[in-house]
Amino acid sequence: KIEKGLFDFNYQLNHLNLAKNLLKNVRRFNFKRLYHLKSLNLSFNSLIDIENESFADLNNLEELKLNFNKLLILKSYFFSDLFNLKILELSNNLIELIDEKCLWNNSNLEFLYLNNNNIKYLHYLSFSSLANISSINLNNNRIIMFNKESMNSSKLEKLYLSNNPFNNLSYLGNIIKELNLSKTKIKFENFSRLNDLTYLIGLDLSFNKMNRKILLNLNI
């Protein structure tokens, strides 16, 4: 565990790497007074719980790595103190649920990695506050429903949805440049949605049950 007050006298720290330890919990104010911290790496631990206000003083943090842990639920206001966060890595956890208010104060977030988890459903407000999000990776989850409101950012350019069992494809806006829909179960009538993506330069439709009829209906 992280001992209380361990970093109290390291006010000038910019980067902190705690990867590949045996951490199971992050407690309130473990990172107290690290006002200048820009990046925090907690990956490859065994984290199962992060208390509210654990990141209370990290208002200048830009990159947070929590990948390869055992997190199950992303609670309300989980990252609410990280106003300047730009990169959030949560891949390879056990995440099943993202609360609708989990990311409400993270409007500066640009890159979100949630691949290789157990997410089944995305609340339509889960990403609604991410005004500057550029890339979202949801590959290798268990998403069965995909709402158009889930991805309504005007700056979203890269979206990765490979290996999810959803079969509907809602409107995705028209600025997406890179889209991965491999290994999904999208129905024939939904492929026409891709014609709305006028800026698309990269598209992965591998391992889908596509036929010539579907391809003829794509104008991309």
Protein backbone atom coordinates (compact mmCIF):
# COMPACT_ATOMS: atom_id res chain seq x y z
CA LYS A 1 0.00 0.00 0.00
CA ILE A 2 0.95 3.64 -0.30
CA GLU A 3 1.84 4.94 3.14
CA LYS A 4 0.06 8.07 4.30
CA GLY A 5 2.16 11.19 3.73
CA LEU A 6 4.71 9.37 1.55
CA PHE A 7 4.81 12.18 -1.01
CA ASP A 8 4.04 15.13 1.27
CA PHE A 9 7.46 16.68 0.76
CA ASN A 10 7.79 16.08 -2.97
CA TYR A 11 5.79 19.09 -4.11
CA GLN A 12 7.80 19.59 -7.30
CA LEU A 13 7.26 16.11 -8.75
CA ASN A 14 6.17 16.17 -12.41
CA HIS A 15 6.12 12.43 -13.14
CA LEU A 16 5.42 9.51 -10.82
CA ASN A 17 5.66 5.85 -11.87
CA LEU A 18 4.23 3.22 -9.51
CA ALA A 19 3.66 0.52 -12.12
CA LYS A 20 4.22 -3.18 -11.40
CA ASN A 21 3.91 -3.02 -7.65
CA LEU A 22 1.40 -4.91 -5.50
CA LEU A 23 -1.05 -2.08 -4.93
CA LYS A 24 -4.66 -3.09 -4.26
CA ASN A 25 -6.16 0.23 -3.17
CA VAL A 26 -5.67 3.94 -3.59
CA ARG A 27 -6.73 5.89 -0.54
CA ARG A 28 -8.00 9.42 -0.10
CA PHE A 29 -5.22 11.98 -0.41
CA ASN A 30 -2.50 9.39 -1.12
CA PHE A 31 -1.17 11.96 -3.57
CA LYS A 32 -1.74 14.99 -1.39
CA ARG A 33 -0.02 18.23 -2.39
CA LEU A 34 1.40 16.90 -5.66
CA TYR A 35 0.14 20.04 -7.36
CA HIS A 36 2.68 19.94 -10.20
CA LEU A 37 2.27 16.30 -11.19
CA LYS A 38 1.74 15.86 -14.95
CA SER A 39 1.72 12.06 -15.28
CA LEU A 40 0.87 9.22 -12.91
CA ASN A 41 1.41 5.56 -13.79
CA LEU A 42 -0.45 2.98 -11.67
CA SER A 43 -0.61 0.29 -14.34
CA PHE A 44 0.13 -3.41 -13.82
CA ASN A 45 -0.98 -3.48 -10.19
CA SER A 46 -3.95 -5.24 -8.56
CA LEU A 47 -6.11 -2.21 -7.89
CA ILE A 48 -9.69 -3.07 -6.99
CA ASP A 49 -10.72 0.20 -5.37
CA ILE A 50 -9.96 3.90 -5.66
CA GLU A 51 -11.49 6.06 -2.95
CA ASN A 52 -13.22 9.35 -3.69
CA GLU A 53 -10.84 12.32 -3.61
CA SER A 54 -7.80 10.09 -4.16
CA PHE A 55 -6.70 12.52 -6.87
CA ALA A 56 -7.96 15.66 -5.13
CA ASP A 57 -4.75 17.67 -5.46
CA LEU A 58 -3.80 16.54 -8.96
CA ASN A 59 -5.44 19.40 -10.79
CA ASN A 60 -2.59 19.65 -13.30
CA LEU A 61 -2.39 15.96 -14.13
CA GLU A 62 -2.46 15.33 -17.89
CA GLU A 63 -1.90 11.57 -18.13
CA LEU A 64 -3.22 8.80 -15.88
CA LYS A 65 -2.45 5.13 -16.48
CA LEU A 66 -4.65 2.59 -14.70
CA ASN A 67 -4.42 -0.18 -17.28
CA PHE A 68 -3.87 -3.81 -16.26
CA ASN A 69 -5.59 -3.67 -12.89
CA LYS A 70 -8.78 -5.21 -11.48
CA LEU A 71 -11.19 -2.28 -11.46
CA LEU A 72 -14.82 -3.35 -11.80
CA ILE A 73 -16.89 -0.15 -11.66
CA LEU A 74 -16.10 3.46 -12.57
CA LYS A 75 -18.12 5.41 -10.04
CA SER A 76 -19.65 8.89 -10.19
CA TYR A 77 -17.08 11.69 -10.26
CA PHE A 78 -14.29 9.10 -10.24
CA PHE A 79 -11.92 11.55 -11.91
CA SER A 80 -13.70 14.80 -11.07
CA ASP A 81 -10.60 16.55 -9.70
CA LEU A 82 -8.57 15.94 -12.85
CA PHE A 83 -9.66 19.02 -14.76
CA ASN A 84 -6.67 19.00 -17.12
CA LEU A 85 -6.50 15.29 -17.85
CA LYS A 86 -5.81 14.58 -21.53
CA ILE A 87 -4.95 10.86 -21.58
CA LEU A 88 -6.78 8.22 -19.53
CA GLU A 89 -5.79 4.57 -19.86
CA LEU A 90 -8.18 2.00 -18.36
CA SER A 91 -7.63 -0.94 -20.69
CA ASN A 92 -7.29 -4.52 -19.46
CA ASN A 93 -9.30 -4.21 -16.28
CA LEU A 94 -12.56 -5.95 -15.34
CA ILE A 95 -14.79 -2.92 -15.89
CA GLU A 96 -18.47 -3.71 -16.32
CA LEU A 97 -20.08 -0.37 -15.56
CA ILE A 98 -19.28 3.27 -16.26
CA ASP A 99 -21.46 5.60 -14.25
CA GLU A 100 -23.04 8.37 -16.29
CA LYS A 101 -21.29 11.03 -14.18
CA CYS A 102 -17.90 9.35 -14.06
CA LEU A 103 -16.24 11.74 -16.54
CA TRP A 104 -18.34 14.86 -16.06
CA ASN A 105 -15.45 17.17 -15.12
CA ASN A 106 -13.01 15.92 -17.74
CA SER A 107 -13.83 18.17 -20.66
CA ASN A 108 -10.14 18.38 -21.68
CA LEU A 109 -9.78 14.64 -22.16
CA GLU A 110 -8.51 13.76 -25.65
CA PHE A 111 -7.64 10.04 -25.52
CA LEU A 112 -9.68 7.40 -23.69
CA TYR A 113 -8.68 3.73 -23.60
CA LEU A 114 -11.29 1.27 -22.35
CA ASN A 115 -10.41 -1.72 -24.49
CA ASN A 116 -10.27 -5.25 -23.11
CA ASN A 117 -12.88 -4.93 -20.39
CA ASN A 118 -16.37 -6.36 -19.75
CA ILE A 119 -18.52 -3.34 -20.60
CA LYS A 120 -22.00 -4.32 -21.79
CA TYR A 121 -23.84 -1.02 -21.89
CA LEU A 122 -22.89 2.63 -22.35
CA HIS A 123 -25.20 5.16 -20.77
CA TYR A 124 -25.98 7.88 -23.30
CA LEU A 125 -24.46 10.48 -20.95
CA SER A 126 -21.27 8.58 -20.13
CA PHE A 127 -19.13 10.59 -22.57
CA SER A 128 -21.38 13.62 -22.97
CA SER A 129 -19.04 16.05 -21.23
CA LEU A 130 -15.97 15.09 -23.26
CA ALA A 131 -15.99 18.13 -25.49
CA ASN A 132 -12.41 17.63 -26.71
CA ILE A 133 -12.28 13.86 -27.04
CA SER A 134 -10.39 12.79 -30.16
CA SER A 135 -10.03 9.04 -29.73
CA ILE A 136 -12.01 6.35 -27.88
CA ASN A 137 -10.95 2.72 -27.81
CA LEU A 138 -13.66 0.22 -26.80
CA ASN A 139 -12.28 -2.82 -28.58
CA ASN A 140 -12.86 -6.23 -27.02
CA ASN A 141 -15.74 -5.52 -24.68
CA ARG A 142 -19.25 -6.96 -24.50
CA ILE A 143 -21.27 -3.97 -25.68
CA ILE A 144 -24.71 -5.05 -26.85
CA MET A 145 -26.33 -1.64 -27.30
CA PHE A 146 -24.82 1.40 -28.94
CA ASN A 147 -26.71 4.71 -28.63
CA LYS A 148 -26.04 7.61 -30.96
CA GLU A 149 -25.88 9.98 -27.98
CA SER A 150 -22.94 8.03 -26.58
CA MET A 151 -20.57 9.47 -29.18
CA ASN A 152 -21.75 13.00 -29.81
CA SER A 153 -18.47 14.90 -29.53
CA SER A 154 -17.80 17.24 -32.42
CA LYS A 155 -14.06 16.43 -32.24
CA LEU A 156 -14.17 12.63 -32.17
CA GLU A 157 -11.92 11.40 -35.00
CA LYS A 158 -10.98 7.84 -34.01
CA LEU A 159 -13.41 5.22 -32.72
CA TYR A 160 -12.53 1.59 -32.09
CA LEU A 161 -15.39 -0.86 -31.50
CA SER A 162 -13.91 -4.16 -32.64
CA ASN A 163 -15.07 -7.46 -31.15
CA ASN A 164 -18.30 -6.27 -29.54
CA PRO A 165 -21.62 -8.10 -30.06
CA PHE A 166 -23.81 -5.04 -30.84
CA ASN A 167 -25.80 -5.14 -34.07
CA ASN A 168 -27.01 -1.57 -34.46
CA LEU A 169 -24.96 1.33 -35.78
CA SER A 170 -26.35 4.75 -34.92
CA TYR A 171 -25.39 8.08 -36.39
CA LEU A 172 -21.73 8.81 -35.56
CA GLY A 173 -21.47 12.37 -36.81
CA ASN A 174 -19.42 13.07 -39.91
CA ILE A 175 -15.88 13.93 -38.80
CA ILE A 176 -14.65 10.44 -37.83
CA LYS A 177 -11.49 9.62 -39.77
CA GLU A 178 -10.72 6.16 -38.42
CA LEU A 179 -13.30 3.51 -37.49
CA ASN A 180 -12.88 -0.12 -36.45
CA LEU A 181 -16.01 -2.28 -36.67
CA SER A 182 -14.36 -5.67 -37.12
CA LYS A 183 -15.89 -8.71 -35.43
CA THR A 184 -19.27 -7.12 -34.73
CA LYS A 185 -22.80 -8.25 -35.57
CA ILE A 186 -24.05 -5.21 -37.44
CA LYS A 187 -27.14 -5.83 -39.52
CA PHE A 188 -27.29 -5.13 -43.24
CA GLU A 189 -29.54 -2.06 -42.93
CA ASN A 190 -27.10 -0.39 -40.56
CA PHE A 191 -24.11 -0.37 -42.88
CA SER A 192 -25.64 2.57 -44.77
CA ARG A 193 -24.78 4.72 -41.75
CA LEU A 194 -21.18 4.63 -42.90
CA ASN A 195 -22.11 6.84 -45.83
CA ASP A 196 -22.45 9.74 -43.37
CA LEU A 197 -18.74 9.58 -42.55
CA THR A 198 -17.49 11.93 -45.24
CA TYR A 199 -14.01 12.38 -43.70
CA LEU A 200 -13.32 8.68 -43.19
CA ILE A 201 -9.83 7.57 -44.27
CA GLY A 202 -9.48 4.30 -42.34
CA LEU A 203 -12.17 1.62 -41.99
CA ASP A 204 -11.88 -1.94 -40.65
CA LEU A 205 -14.83 -4.21 -41.43
CA SER A 206 -12.95 -7.49 -41.25
CA PHE A 207 -14.56 -10.62 -39.84
CA ASN A 208 -18.11 -9.47 -40.55
CA LYS A 209 -20.65 -11.36 -42.62
CA MET A 210 -20.61 -8.91 -45.46
CA ASN A 211 -21.63 -9.74 -49.01
CA ARG A 212 -21.60 -8.04 -52.41
CA LYS A 213 -25.01 -6.44 -51.80
CA ILE A 214 -23.74 -4.64 -48.72
CA LEU A 215 -20.61 -3.40 -50.47
CA LEU A 216 -22.67 -1.99 -53.35
CA ASN A 217 -24.65 0.11 -50.88
CA LEU A 218 -21.56 1.73 -49.43
CA ASN A 219 -20.61 5.04 -51.00
CA ILE A 220 -17.52 5.64 -48.93
